[in-house]
Amino acid sequence: MITYKVAHHIPGRIRLDVPFIKRLSSVKVEDIPEVIRNFSFVTFPPSIIDIQTNPMTGSLTLLYKPSEIDIMKFIDSMISDMASNEEVMGFIEGLNG
C-alpha cells in the first residue's frame, strides 16, 4: 500500500510526505525502475507545472495551477495509478523487505 500525508499546502504548491520515497535514498538511481524515475505511470495535465521528489526527506512537491485542477483529486488518482502498476508495486514491496 502507498501511503502519504499532506505536509504543506498553499494554492499552487503542495508537499506530500511519502514514506516509500524516503526508502529510495538507499537505492542506486540506476536500480530504480524507469517507470518510477520519470513518473511514466501518470499522465500529467498541463495544470501541473512541476513535480519534485526529495528522497532524503521522503517528500513529493507538486507545483500546479490552482484554478485549473482539483489537486487532491489528482493526487488520489496518481496514487491509484501507482497502486495498480505491477512494476511500481513490485519495486515498492521489495523496498519494504
PDB file of N, CA and C in Angstrom:
ATOM      1  N   MET A   1       0.833  -1.175   0.000  1.00  0.00           N
ATOM      2  CA  MET A   1       0.000   0.000   0.000  1.00  0.00           C
ATOM      3  C   MET A   1       0.888   1.252   0.000  1.00  0.00           C
ATOM      4  N   ILE A   2       0.450   2.249  -0.730  1.00  0.00           N
ATOM      5  CA  ILE A   2       1.176   3.505  -0.810  1.00  0.00           C
ATOM      6  C   ILE A   2       0.468   4.513   0.092  1.00  0.00           C
ATOM      7  N   THR A   3       1.201   5.017   1.057  1.00  0.00           N
ATOM      8  CA  THR A   3       0.635   5.989   1.976  1.00  0.00           C
ATOM      9  C   THR A   3       1.301   7.341   1.762  1.00  0.00           C
ATOM     10  N   TYR A   4       0.573   8.379   2.131  1.00  0.00           N
ATOM     11  CA  TYR A   4       1.114   9.730   2.068  1.00  0.00           C
ATOM     12  C   TYR A   4       0.310  10.614   3.008  1.00  0.00           C
ATOM     13  N   LYS A   5       0.892  11.748   3.337  1.00  0.00           N
ATOM     14  CA  LYS A   5       0.151  12.758   4.077  1.00  0.00           C
ATOM     15  C   LYS A   5       0.576  14.121   3.558  1.00  0.00           C
ATOM     16  N   VAL A   6      -0.334  15.054   3.614  1.00  0.00           N
ATOM     17  CA  VAL A   6      -0.037  16.416   3.179  1.00  0.00           C
ATOM     18  C   VAL A   6       0.811  17.074   4.268  1.00  0.00           C
ATOM     19  N   ALA A   7       2.014  17.483   3.881  1.00  0.00           N
ATOM     20  CA  ALA A   7       2.909  18.132   4.837  1.00  0.00           C
ATOM     21  C   ALA A   7       2.722  19.643   4.820  1.00  0.00           C
ATOM     22  N   HIS A   8       2.434  20.174   3.647  1.00  0.00           N
ATOM     23  CA  HIS A   8       2.285  21.623   3.496  1.00  0.00           C
ATOM     24  C   HIS A   8       1.502  21.885   2.229  1.00  0.00           C
ATOM     25  N   HIS A   9       0.595  22.859   2.284  1.00  0.00           N
ATOM     26  CA  HIS A   9      -0.194  23.168   1.103  1.00  0.00           C
ATOM     27  C   HIS A   9      -0.581  24.638   1.095  1.00  0.00           C
ATOM     28  N   ILE A  10      -0.217  25.306   0.038  1.00  0.00           N
ATOM     29  CA  ILE A  10      -0.741  26.631  -0.275  1.00  0.00           C
ATOM     30  C   ILE A  10      -1.203  26.535  -1.720  1.00  0.00           C
ATOM     31  N   PRO A  11      -2.184  27.314  -2.118  1.00  0.00           N
ATOM     32  CA  PRO A  11      -2.643  27.218  -3.506  1.00  0.00           C
ATOM     33  C   PRO A  11      -1.472  27.364  -4.483  1.00  0.00           C
ATOM     34  N   GLY A  12      -1.337  26.359  -5.338  1.00  0.00           N
ATOM     35  CA  GLY A  12      -0.262  26.351  -6.333  1.00  0.00           C
ATOM     36  C   GLY A  12       0.927  25.488  -5.960  1.00  0.00           C
ATOM     37  N   ARG A  13       1.001  25.070  -4.690  1.00  0.00           N
ATOM     38  CA  ARG A  13       2.134  24.239  -4.246  1.00  0.00           C
ATOM     39  C   ARG A  13       1.665  23.328  -3.117  1.00  0.00           C
ATOM     40  N   ILE A  14       1.926  22.048  -3.289  1.00  0.00           N
ATOM     41  CA  ILE A  14       1.601  21.086  -2.242  1.00  0.00           C
ATOM     42  C   ILE A  14       2.786  20.156  -2.054  1.00  0.00           C
ATOM     43  N   ARG A  15       3.126  19.915  -0.790  1.00  0.00           N
ATOM     44  CA  ARG A  15       4.221  18.991  -0.472  1.00  0.00           C
ATOM     45  C   ARG A  15       3.642  17.832   0.320  1.00  0.00           C
ATOM     46  N   LEU A  16       3.961  16.637  -0.151  1.00  0.00           N
ATOM     47  CA  LEU A  16       3.482  15.415   0.480  1.00  0.00           C
ATOM     48  C   LEU A  16       4.646  14.671   1.112  1.00  0.00           C
ATOM     49  N   ASP A  17       4.393  14.039   2.235  1.00  0.00           N
ATOM     50  CA  ASP A  17       5.340  13.082   2.806  1.00  0.00           C
ATOM     51  C   ASP A  17       4.907  11.712   2.306  1.00  0.00           C
ATOM     52  N   VAL A  18       5.821  11.040   1.595  1.00  0.00           N
ATOM     53  CA  VAL A  18       5.526   9.734   1.002  1.00  0.00           C
ATOM     54  C   VAL A  18       6.625   8.780   1.475  1.00  0.00           C
ATOM     55  N   PRO A  19       6.316   7.921   2.442  1.00  0.00           N
ATOM     56  CA  PRO A  19       7.353   7.082   3.053  1.00  0.00           C
ATOM     57  C   PRO A  19       8.212   6.281   2.070  1.00  0.00           C
ATOM     58  N   PHE A  20       7.617   5.731   1.021  1.00  0.00           N
ATOM     59  CA  PHE A  20       8.433   4.912   0.128  1.00  0.00           C
ATOM     60  C   PHE A  20       9.482   5.745  -0.594  1.00  0.00           C
ATOM     61  N   ILE A  21       9.251   7.035  -0.784  1.00  0.00           N
ATOM     62  CA  ILE A  21      10.239   7.889  -1.452  1.00  0.00           C
ATOM     63  C   ILE A  21      11.497   7.998  -0.594  1.00  0.00           C
ATOM     64  N   LYS A  22      11.331   8.060   0.720  1.00  0.00           N
ATOM     65  CA  LYS A  22      12.497   8.144   1.607  1.00  0.00           C
ATOM     66  C   LYS A  22      13.359   6.884   1.490  1.00  0.00           C
ATOM     67  N   ARG A  23      12.711   5.736   1.307  1.00  0.00           N
ATOM     68  CA  ARG A  23      13.473   4.494   1.171  1.00  0.00           C
ATOM     69  C   ARG A  23      14.283   4.466  -0.129  1.00  0.00           C
ATOM     70  N   LEU A  24      13.926   5.319  -1.090  1.00  0.00           N
ATOM     71  CA  LEU A  24      14.685   5.379  -2.343  1.00  0.00           C
ATOM     72  C   LEU A  24      16.095   5.931  -2.138  1.00  0.00           C
ATOM     73  N   SER A  25      16.323   6.651  -1.047  1.00  0.00           N
ATOM     74  CA  SER A  25      17.640   7.250  -0.811  1.00  0.00           C
ATOM     75  C   SER A  25      18.727   6.193  -0.627  1.00  0.00           C
ATOM     76  N   SER A  26      18.343   4.973  -0.318  1.00  0.00           N
ATOM     77  CA  SER A  26      19.328   3.911  -0.130  1.00  0.00           C
ATOM     78  C   SER A  26      19.500   3.057  -1.385  1.00  0.00           C
ATOM     79  N   VAL A  27      18.861   3.456  -2.485  1.00  0.00           N
ATOM     80  CA  VAL A  27      18.907   2.688  -3.729  1.00  0.00           C
ATOM     81  C   VAL A  27      19.670   3.485  -4.780  1.00  0.00           C
ATOM     82  N   LYS A  28      20.529   2.808  -5.534  1.00  0.00           N
ATOM     83  CA  LYS A  28      21.217   3.464  -6.637  1.00  0.00           C
ATOM     84  C   LYS A  28      20.195   3.900  -7.669  1.00  0.00           C
ATOM     85  N   VAL A  29      20.390   5.090  -8.220  1.00  0.00           N
ATOM     86  CA  VAL A  29      19.440   5.630  -9.196  1.00  0.00           C
ATOM     87  C   VAL A  29      19.202   4.647 -10.330  1.00  0.00           C
ATOM     88  N   GLU A  30      20.254   4.022 -10.810  1.00  0.00           N
ATOM     89  CA  GLU A  30      20.106   3.096 -11.945  1.00  0.00           C
ATOM     90  C   GLU A  30      19.323   1.831 -11.578  1.00  0.00           C
ATOM     91  N   ASP A  31      19.154   1.577 -10.285  1.00  0.00           N
ATOM     92  CA  ASP A  31      18.377   0.417  -9.841  1.00  0.00           C
ATOM     93  C   ASP A  31      16.888   0.731  -9.659  1.00  0.00           C
ATOM     94  N   ILE A  32      16.546   2.002  -9.772  1.00  0.00           N
ATOM     95  CA  ILE A  32      15.135   2.407  -9.665  1.00  0.00           C
ATOM     96  C   ILE A  32      14.517   2.269 -11.051  1.00  0.00           C
ATOM     97  N   PRO A  33      13.426   1.535 -11.183  1.00  0.00           N
ATOM     98  CA  PRO A  33      12.800   1.363 -12.491  1.00  0.00           C
ATOM     99  C   PRO A  33      12.465   2.709 -13.138  1.00  0.00           C
ATOM    100  N   GLU A  34      12.646   2.759 -14.439  1.00  0.00           N
ATOM    101  CA  GLU A  34      12.396   3.998 -15.175  1.00  0.00           C
ATOM    102  C   GLU A  34      10.973   4.504 -14.962  1.00  0.00           C
ATOM    103  N   VAL A  35      10.026   3.588 -14.861  1.00  0.00           N
ATOM    104  CA  VAL A  35       8.628   3.981 -14.669  1.00  0.00           C
ATOM    105  C   VAL A  35       8.455   4.821 -13.401  1.00  0.00           C
ATOM    106  N   ILE A  36       9.294   4.600 -12.394  1.00  0.00           N
ATOM    107  CA  ILE A  36       9.247   5.391 -11.168  1.00  0.00           C
ATOM    108  C   ILE A  36      10.076   6.665 -11.329  1.00  0.00           C
ATOM    109  N   ARG A  37      11.266   6.537 -11.910  1.00  0.00           N
ATOM    110  CA  ARG A  37      12.141   7.708 -12.079  1.00  0.00           C
ATOM    111  C   ARG A  37      11.470   8.822 -12.870  1.00  0.00           C
ATOM    112  N   ASN A  38      10.726   8.462 -13.913  1.00  0.00           N
ATOM    113  CA  ASN A  38      10.145   9.505 -14.761  1.00  0.00           C
ATOM    114  C   ASN A  38       8.629   9.642 -14.613  1.00  0.00           C
ATOM    115  N   PHE A  39       8.050   8.962 -13.630  1.00  0.00           N
ATOM    116  CA  PHE A  39       6.613   9.038 -13.364  1.00  0.00           C
ATOM    117  C   PHE A  39       5.783   8.723 -14.609  1.00  0.00           C
ATOM    118  N   SER A  40       6.251   7.772 -15.417  1.00  0.00           N
ATOM    119  CA  SER A  40       5.533   7.457 -16.656  1.00  0.00           C
ATOM    120  C   SER A  40       4.209   6.737 -16.410  1.00  0.00           C
ATOM    121  N   PHE A  41       3.928   6.336 -15.187  1.00  0.00           N
ATOM    122  CA  PHE A  41       2.661   5.697 -14.864  1.00  0.00           C
ATOM    123  C   PHE A  41       1.545   6.734 -14.700  1.00  0.00           C
ATOM    124  N   VAL A  42       1.897   8.014 -14.771  1.00  0.00           N
ATOM    125  CA  VAL A  42       0.930   9.095 -14.589  1.00  0.00           C
ATOM    126  C   VAL A  42       0.902   9.980 -15.827  1.00  0.00           C
ATOM    127  N   THR A  43      -0.291  10.388 -16.222  1.00  0.00           N
ATOM    128  CA  THR A  43      -0.436  11.391 -17.265  1.00  0.00           C
ATOM    129  C   THR A  43      -0.642  12.728 -16.556  1.00  0.00           C
ATOM    130  N   PHE A  44       0.294  13.628 -16.748  1.00  0.00           N
ATOM    131  CA  PHE A  44       0.221  14.920 -16.093  1.00  0.00           C
ATOM    132  C   PHE A  44      -0.521  15.913 -16.974  1.00  0.00           C
ATOM    133  N   PRO A  45      -1.591  16.498 -16.442  1.00  0.00           N
ATOM    134  CA  PRO A  45      -2.294  17.524 -17.204  1.00  0.00           C
ATOM    135  C   PRO A  45      -1.457  18.802 -17.265  1.00  0.00           C
ATOM    136  N   PRO A  46      -1.742  19.693 -18.201  1.00  0.00           N
ATOM    137  CA  PRO A  46      -0.969  20.942 -18.310  1.00  0.00           C
ATOM    138  C   PRO A  46      -1.030  21.810 -17.047  1.00  0.00           C
ATOM    139  N   SER A  47      -2.016  21.580 -16.200  1.00  0.00           N
ATOM    140  CA  SER A  47      -2.134  22.369 -14.974  1.00  0.00           C
ATOM    141  C   SER A  47      -1.092  21.988 -13.919  1.00  0.00           C
ATOM    142  N   ILE A  48      -0.388  20.874 -14.122  1.00  0.00           N
ATOM    143  CA  ILE A  48       0.735  20.512 -13.243  1.00  0.00           C
ATOM    144  C   ILE A  48       1.985  21.134 -13.857  1.00  0.00           C
ATOM    145  N   ILE A  49       2.569  22.063 -13.153  1.00  0.00           N
ATOM    146  CA  ILE A  49       3.713  22.819 -13.666  1.00  0.00           C
ATOM    147  C   ILE A  49       5.017  22.070 -13.448  1.00  0.00           C
ATOM    148  N   ASP A  50       5.173  21.467 -12.269  1.00  0.00           N
ATOM    149  CA  ASP A  50       6.435  20.784 -11.946  1.00  0.00           C
ATOM    150  C   ASP A  50       6.170  19.774 -10.841  1.00  0.00           C
ATOM    151  N   ILE A  51       7.010  18.764 -10.824  1.00  0.00           N
ATOM    152  CA  ILE A  51       6.964  17.763  -9.758  1.00  0.00           C
ATOM    153  C   ILE A  51       8.404  17.506  -9.331  1.00  0.00           C
ATOM    154  N   GLN A  52       8.621  17.493  -8.018  1.00  0.00           N
ATOM    155  CA  GLN A  52       9.969  17.300  -7.479  1.00  0.00           C
ATOM    156  C   GLN A  52       9.908  16.275  -6.359  1.00  0.00           C
ATOM    157  N   THR A  53      10.876  15.385  -6.361  1.00  0.00           N
ATOM    158  CA  THR A  53      10.983  14.426  -5.262  1.00  0.00           C
ATOM    159  C   THR A  53      12.259  14.704  -4.489  1.00  0.00           C
ATOM    160  N   ASN A  54      12.227  14.385  -3.214  1.00  0.00           N
ATOM    161  CA  ASN A  54      13.402  14.507  -2.372  1.00  0.00           C
ATOM    162  C   ASN A  54      13.514  13.227  -1.545  1.00  0.00           C
ATOM    163  N   PRO A  55      14.323  12.268  -2.025  1.00  0.00           N
ATOM    164  CA  PRO A  55      14.459  11.007  -1.298  1.00  0.00           C
ATOM    165  C   PRO A  55      15.040  11.160   0.107  1.00  0.00           C
ATOM    166  N   MET A  56      15.814  12.196   0.349  1.00  0.00           N
ATOM    167  CA  MET A  56      16.394  12.377   1.684  1.00  0.00           C
ATOM    168  C   MET A  56      15.310  12.693   2.724  1.00  0.00           C
ATOM    169  N   THR A  57      14.268  13.428   2.299  1.00  0.00           N
ATOM    170  CA  THR A  57      13.194  13.781   3.230  1.00  0.00           C
ATOM    171  C   THR A  57      11.935  12.954   3.004  1.00  0.00           C
ATOM    172  N   GLY A  58      11.881  12.248   1.871  1.00  0.00           N
ATOM    173  CA  GLY A  58      10.691  11.464   1.547  1.00  0.00           C
ATOM    174  C   GLY A  58       9.535  12.324   1.080  1.00  0.00           C
ATOM    175  N   SER A  59       9.857  13.455   0.458  1.00  0.00           N
ATOM    176  CA  SER A  59       8.786  14.361   0.057  1.00  0.00           C
ATOM    177  C   SER A  59       8.597  14.395  -1.460  1.00  0.00           C
ATOM    178  N   LEU A  60       7.390  14.729  -1.824  1.00  0.00           N
ATOM    179  CA  LEU A  60       6.991  14.915  -3.218  1.00  0.00           C
ATOM    180  C   LEU A  60       6.294  16.263  -3.261  1.00  0.00           C
ATOM    181  N   THR A  61       6.802  17.176  -4.093  1.00  0.00           N
ATOM    182  CA  THR A  61       6.231  18.506  -4.201  1.00  0.00           C
ATOM    183  C   THR A  61       5.669  18.697  -5.593  1.00  0.00           C
ATOM    184  N   LEU A  62       4.435  19.176  -5.640  1.00  0.00           N
ATOM    185  CA  LEU A  62       3.778  19.472  -6.905  1.00  0.00           C
ATOM    186  C   LEU A  62       3.510  20.965  -6.983  1.00  0.00           C
ATOM    187  N   LEU A  63       3.909  21.570  -8.100  1.00  0.00           N
ATOM    188  CA  LEU A  63       3.537  22.941  -8.393  1.00  0.00           C
ATOM    189  C   LEU A  63       2.441  22.856  -9.434  1.00  0.00           C
ATOM    190  N   TYR A  64       1.358  23.614  -9.231  1.00  0.00           N
ATOM    191  CA  TYR A  64       0.203  23.468 -10.106  1.00  0.00           C
ATOM    192  C   TYR A  64      -0.561  24.783 -10.222  1.00  0.00           C
ATOM    193  N   LYS A  65      -1.454  24.825 -11.204  1.00  0.00           N
ATOM    194  CA  LYS A  65      -2.314  25.987 -11.414  1.00  0.00           C
ATOM    195  C   LYS A  65      -3.629  25.730 -10.663  1.00  0.00           C
ATOM    196  N   PRO A  66      -3.805  26.363  -9.508  1.00  0.00           N
ATOM    197  CA  PRO A  66      -4.947  26.028  -8.657  1.00  0.00           C
ATOM    198  C   PRO A  66      -6.314  26.276  -9.291  1.00  0.00           C
ATOM    199  N   SER A  67      -6.401  27.201 -10.216  1.00  0.00           N
ATOM    200  CA  SER A  67      -7.701  27.476 -10.833  1.00  0.00           C
ATOM    201  C   SER A  67      -8.075  26.433 -11.883  1.00  0.00           C
ATOM    202  N   GLU A  68      -7.121  25.537 -12.206  1.00  0.00           N
ATOM    203  CA  GLU A  68      -7.350  24.585 -13.292  1.00  0.00           C
ATOM    204  C   GLU A  68      -7.436  23.127 -12.860  1.00  0.00           C
ATOM    205  N   ILE A  69      -7.176  22.834 -11.593  1.00  0.00           N
ATOM    206  CA  ILE A  69      -7.146  21.420 -11.178  1.00  0.00           C
ATOM    207  C   ILE A  69      -7.561  21.289  -9.713  1.00  0.00           C
ATOM    208  N   ASP A  70      -8.267  20.212  -9.423  1.00  0.00           N
ATOM    209  CA  ASP A  70      -8.539  19.822  -8.038  1.00  0.00           C
ATOM    210  C   ASP A  70      -7.347  18.947  -7.641  1.00  0.00           C
ATOM    211  N   ILE A  71      -6.397  19.541  -6.951  1.00  0.00           N
ATOM    212  CA  ILE A  71      -5.120  18.860  -6.711  1.00  0.00           C
ATOM    213  C   ILE A  71      -5.292  17.594  -5.877  1.00  0.00           C
ATOM    214  N   MET A  72      -6.203  17.588  -4.915  1.00  0.00           N
ATOM    215  CA  MET A  72      -6.374  16.385  -4.103  1.00  0.00           C
ATOM    216  C   MET A  72      -6.955  15.240  -4.938  1.00  0.00           C
ATOM    217  N   LYS A  73      -7.855  15.554  -5.839  1.00  0.00           N
ATOM    218  CA  LYS A  73      -8.406  14.528  -6.723  1.00  0.00           C
ATOM    219  C   LYS A  73      -7.296  13.979  -7.633  1.00  0.00           C
ATOM    220  N   PHE A  74      -6.438  14.881  -8.130  1.00  0.00           N
ATOM    221  CA  PHE A  74      -5.323  14.439  -8.965  1.00  0.00           C
ATOM    222  C   PHE A  74      -4.373  13.545  -8.173  1.00  0.00           C
ATOM    223  N   ILE A  75      -4.037  13.923  -6.947  1.00  0.00           N
ATOM    224  CA  ILE A  75      -3.123  13.121  -6.121  1.00  0.00           C
ATOM    225  C   ILE A  75      -3.721  11.743  -5.858  1.00  0.00           C
ATOM    226  N   ASP A  76      -4.992  11.696  -5.508  1.00  0.00           N
ATOM    227  CA  ASP A  76      -5.649  10.401  -5.292  1.00  0.00           C
ATOM    228  C   ASP A  76      -5.572   9.538  -6.548  1.00  0.00           C
ATOM    229  N   SER A  77      -5.767  10.151  -7.713  1.00  0.00           N
ATOM    230  CA  SER A  77      -5.682   9.428  -8.980  1.00  0.00           C
ATOM    231  C   SER A  77      -4.254   8.944  -9.228  1.00  0.00           C
ATOM    232  N   MET A  78      -3.265   9.787  -8.937  1.00  0.00           N
ATOM    233  CA  MET A  78      -1.864   9.425  -9.130  1.00  0.00           C
ATOM    234  C   MET A  78      -1.489   8.243  -8.229  1.00  0.00           C
ATOM    235  N   ILE A  79      -1.908   8.280  -6.972  1.00  0.00           N
ATOM    236  CA  ILE A  79      -1.619   7.186  -6.042  1.00  0.00           C
ATOM    237  C   ILE A  79      -2.317   5.908  -6.501  1.00  0.00           C
ATOM    238  N   SER A  80      -3.524   6.028  -6.988  1.00  0.00           N
ATOM    239  CA  SER A  80      -4.258   4.878  -7.516  1.00  0.00           C
ATOM    240  C   SER A  80      -3.535   4.276  -8.729  1.00  0.00           C
ATOM    241  N   ASP A  81      -3.029   5.150  -9.608  1.00  0.00           N
ATOM    242  CA  ASP A  81      -2.270   4.675 -10.772  1.00  0.00           C
ATOM    243  C   ASP A  81      -1.018   3.927 -10.332  1.00  0.00           C
ATOM    244  N   MET A  82      -0.353   4.424  -9.308  1.00  0.00           N
ATOM    245  CA  MET A  82       0.836   3.749  -8.789  1.00  0.00           C
ATOM    246  C   MET A  82       0.466   2.376  -8.244  1.00  0.00           C
ATOM    247  N   ALA A  83      -0.606   2.343  -7.465  1.00  0.00           N
ATOM    248  CA  ALA A  83      -1.014   1.099  -6.818  1.00  0.00           C
ATOM    249  C   ALA A  83      -1.470   0.046  -7.810  1.00  0.00           C
ATOM    250  N   SER A  84      -1.907   0.459  -8.988  1.00  0.00           N
ATOM    251  CA  SER A  84      -2.366  -0.506  -9.987  1.00  0.00           C
ATOM    252  C   SER A  84      -1.265  -0.899 -10.978  1.00  0.00           C
ATOM    253  N   ASN A  85      -0.074  -0.328 -10.839  1.00  0.00           N
ATOM    254  CA  ASN A  85       1.040  -0.646 -11.726  1.00  0.00           C
ATOM    255  C   ASN A  85       1.889  -1.746 -11.077  1.00  0.00           C
ATOM    256  N   GLU A  86       1.923  -2.914 -11.696  1.00  0.00           N
ATOM    257  CA  GLU A  86       2.626  -4.065 -11.110  1.00  0.00           C
ATOM    258  C   GLU A  86       4.121  -3.819 -10.938  1.00  0.00           C
ATOM    259  N   GLU A  87       4.741  -3.148 -11.903  1.00  0.00           N
ATOM    260  CA  GLU A  87       6.185  -2.892 -11.808  1.00  0.00           C
ATOM    261  C   GLU A  87       6.480  -1.962 -10.625  1.00  0.00           C
ATOM    262  N   VAL A  88       5.670  -0.919 -10.484  1.00  0.00           N
ATOM    263  CA  VAL A  88       5.848   0.027  -9.382  1.00  0.00           C
ATOM    264  C   VAL A  88       5.647  -0.682  -8.045  1.00  0.00           C
ATOM    265  N   MET A  89       4.544  -1.393  -7.917  1.00  0.00           N
ATOM    266  CA  MET A  89       4.237  -2.047  -6.643  1.00  0.00           C
ATOM    267  C   MET A  89       5.256  -3.130  -6.313  1.00  0.00           C
ATOM    268  N   GLY A  90       5.720  -3.870  -7.307  1.00  0.00           N
ATOM    269  CA  GLY A  90       6.741  -4.895  -7.064  1.00  0.00           C
ATOM    270  C   GLY A  90       8.011  -4.272  -6.510  1.00  0.00           C
ATOM    271  N   PHE A  91       8.407  -3.134  -7.077  1.00  0.00           N
ATOM    272  CA  PHE A  91       9.604  -2.448  -6.603  1.00  0.00           C
ATOM    273  C   PHE A  91       9.402  -1.934  -5.182  1.00  0.00           C
ATOM    274  N   ILE A  92       8.255  -1.314  -4.912  1.00  0.00           N
ATOM    275  CA  ILE A  92       7.974  -0.765  -3.576  1.00  0.00           C
ATOM    276  C   ILE A  92       7.942  -1.884  -2.536  1.00  0.00           C
ATOM    277  N   GLU A  93       7.313  -2.998  -2.883  1.00  0.00           N
ATOM    278  CA  GLU A  93       7.264  -4.126  -1.949  1.00  0.00           C
ATOM    279  C   GLU A  93       8.673  -4.653  -1.669  1.00  0.00           C
ATOM    280  N   GLY A  94       9.538  -4.636  -2.679  1.00  0.00           N
ATOM    281  CA  GLY A  94      10.927  -5.033  -2.490  1.00  0.00           C
ATOM    282  C   GLY A  94      11.670  -4.104  -1.541  1.00  0.00           C
ATOM    283  N   LEU A  95      11.329  -2.825  -1.560  1.00  0.00           N
ATOM    284  CA  LEU A  95      11.937  -1.863  -0.642  1.00  0.00           C
ATOM    285  C   LEU A  95      11.542  -2.129   0.800  1.00  0.00           C
ATOM    286  N   ASN A  96      10.315  -2.655   0.963  1.00  0.00           N
ATOM    287  CA  ASN A  96       9.806  -2.929   2.306  1.00  0.00           C
ATOM    288  C   ASN A  96      10.465  -4.139   2.940  1.00  0.00           C
ATOM    289  N   GLY A  97      11.208  -4.889   2.129  1.00  0.00           N
ATOM    290  CA  GLY A  97      11.951  -6.027   2.665  1.00  0.00           C
ATOM    291  C   GLY A  97      11.157  -7.244   2.650  1.00  0.00           C
TER     292      GLY A  97
END
